[in-house]
């Protein structure tokens, strides 16, 4: 979020010349949930240490 705010502020200070900056892509909440589930399965199988 900070990167988006700084890019917008810099664009404004430059007089709004050029295209308005686009927000960066953010991680999908569903993808994070799938990642946590996958890591949990690997930990339960003993293929990945807890906390790693």
C-alpha atoms as a PDB file:
ATOM      1  CA  UNK A   1       0.000   0.000   0.000  1.00  0.00           C
ATOM      2  CA  UNK A   2       2.862   2.369   0.797  1.00  0.00           C
ATOM      3  CA  UNK A   3       4.374   1.842  -2.651  1.00  0.00           C
ATOM      4  CA  UNK A   4       1.064   2.791  -4.278  1.00  0.00           C
ATOM      5  CA  UNK A   5       0.767   5.925  -2.133  1.00  0.00           C
ATOM      6  CA  UNK A   6       4.320   7.037  -2.898  1.00  0.00           C
ATOM      7  CA  UNK A   7       3.890   6.457  -6.623  1.00  0.00           C
ATOM      8  CA  UNK A   8       0.679   8.506  -6.613  1.00  0.00           C
ATOM      9  CA  UNK A   9       2.260  11.311  -4.582  1.00  0.00           C
ATOM     10  CA  UNK A  10       5.271  11.473  -6.906  1.00  0.00           C
ATOM     11  CA  UNK A  11       2.965  11.544  -9.914  1.00  0.00           C
ATOM     12  CA  UNK A  12       0.985  14.416  -8.385  1.00  0.00           C
ATOM     13  CA  UNK A  13       4.138  16.394  -7.526  1.00  0.00           C
ATOM     14  CA  UNK A  14       5.249  16.005 -11.133  1.00  0.00           C
ATOM     15  CA  UNK A  15       2.085  17.802 -12.199  1.00  0.00           C
ATOM     16  CA  UNK A  16       0.152  14.669 -13.142  1.00  0.00           C
ATOM     17  CA  UNK A  17       2.134  14.315 -16.363  1.00  0.00           C
ATOM     18  CA  UNK A  18       2.149  10.923 -17.963  1.00  0.00           C
ATOM     19  CA  UNK A  19      -0.133   8.029 -17.147  1.00  0.00           C
ATOM     20  CA  UNK A  20      -1.402   7.726 -13.594  1.00  0.00           C
ATOM     21  CA  UNK A  21       0.497   4.943 -11.772  1.00  0.00           C
ATOM     22  CA  UNK A  22      -1.346   1.662 -11.421  1.00  0.00           C
ATOM     23  CA  UNK A  23      -1.472  -0.186  -8.084  1.00  0.00           C
ATOM     24  CA  UNK A  24       0.835  -3.159  -7.704  1.00  0.00           C
ATOM     25  CA  UNK A  25      -0.685  -6.636  -7.716  1.00  0.00           C
ATOM     26  CA  UNK A  26      -1.402  -8.003  -4.272  1.00  0.00           C
ATOM     27  CA  UNK A  27      -1.393 -11.650  -3.226  1.00  0.00           C
ATOM     28  CA  UNK A  28      -4.706 -13.437  -3.485  1.00  0.00           C
ATOM     29  CA  UNK A  29      -6.116 -14.352  -0.055  1.00  0.00           C
ATOM     30  CA  UNK A  30      -7.280 -17.718  -1.429  1.00  0.00           C
ATOM     31  CA  UNK A  31      -3.770 -18.503  -2.655  1.00  0.00           C
ATOM     32  CA  UNK A  32      -2.380 -17.784   0.814  1.00  0.00           C
ATOM     33  CA  UNK A  33      -4.966 -20.110   2.369  1.00  0.00           C
ATOM     34  CA  UNK A  34      -4.031 -22.886  -0.096  1.00  0.00           C
ATOM     35  CA  UNK A  35      -0.336 -22.348   0.674  1.00  0.00           C
ATOM     36  CA  UNK A  36      -0.941 -22.656   4.429  1.00  0.00           C
ATOM     37  CA  UNK A  37      -2.980 -25.837   3.928  1.00  0.00           C
ATOM     38  CA  UNK A  38      -0.254 -27.329   1.719  1.00  0.00           C
ATOM     39  CA  UNK A  39       2.482 -26.483   4.238  1.00  0.00           C
ATOM     40  CA  UNK A  40       0.360 -27.988   7.018  1.00  0.00           C
ATOM     41  CA  UNK A  41      -0.003 -31.241   5.081  1.00  0.00           C
ATOM     42  CA  UNK A  42       3.751 -31.411   4.471  1.00  0.00           C
ATOM     43  CA  UNK A  43       4.401 -30.817   8.172  1.00  0.00           C
ATOM     44  CA  UNK A  44       1.935 -33.546   9.220  1.00  0.00           C
ATOM     45  CA  UNK A  45       3.644 -35.971   6.822  1.00  0.00           C
ATOM     46  CA  UNK A  46       7.032 -35.099   8.331  1.00  0.00           C
ATOM     47  CA  UNK A  47       8.336 -33.721   5.045  1.00  0.00           C
ATOM     48  CA  UNK A  48       8.725 -30.205   6.400  1.00  0.00           C
ATOM     49  CA  UNK A  49       9.820 -29.103   9.851  1.00  0.00           C
ATOM     50  CA  UNK A  50       7.456 -26.940  11.893  1.00  0.00           C
ATOM     51  CA  UNK A  51       8.290 -23.252  11.661  1.00  0.00           C
ATOM     52  CA  UNK A  52      10.105 -23.712   8.355  1.00  0.00           C
END
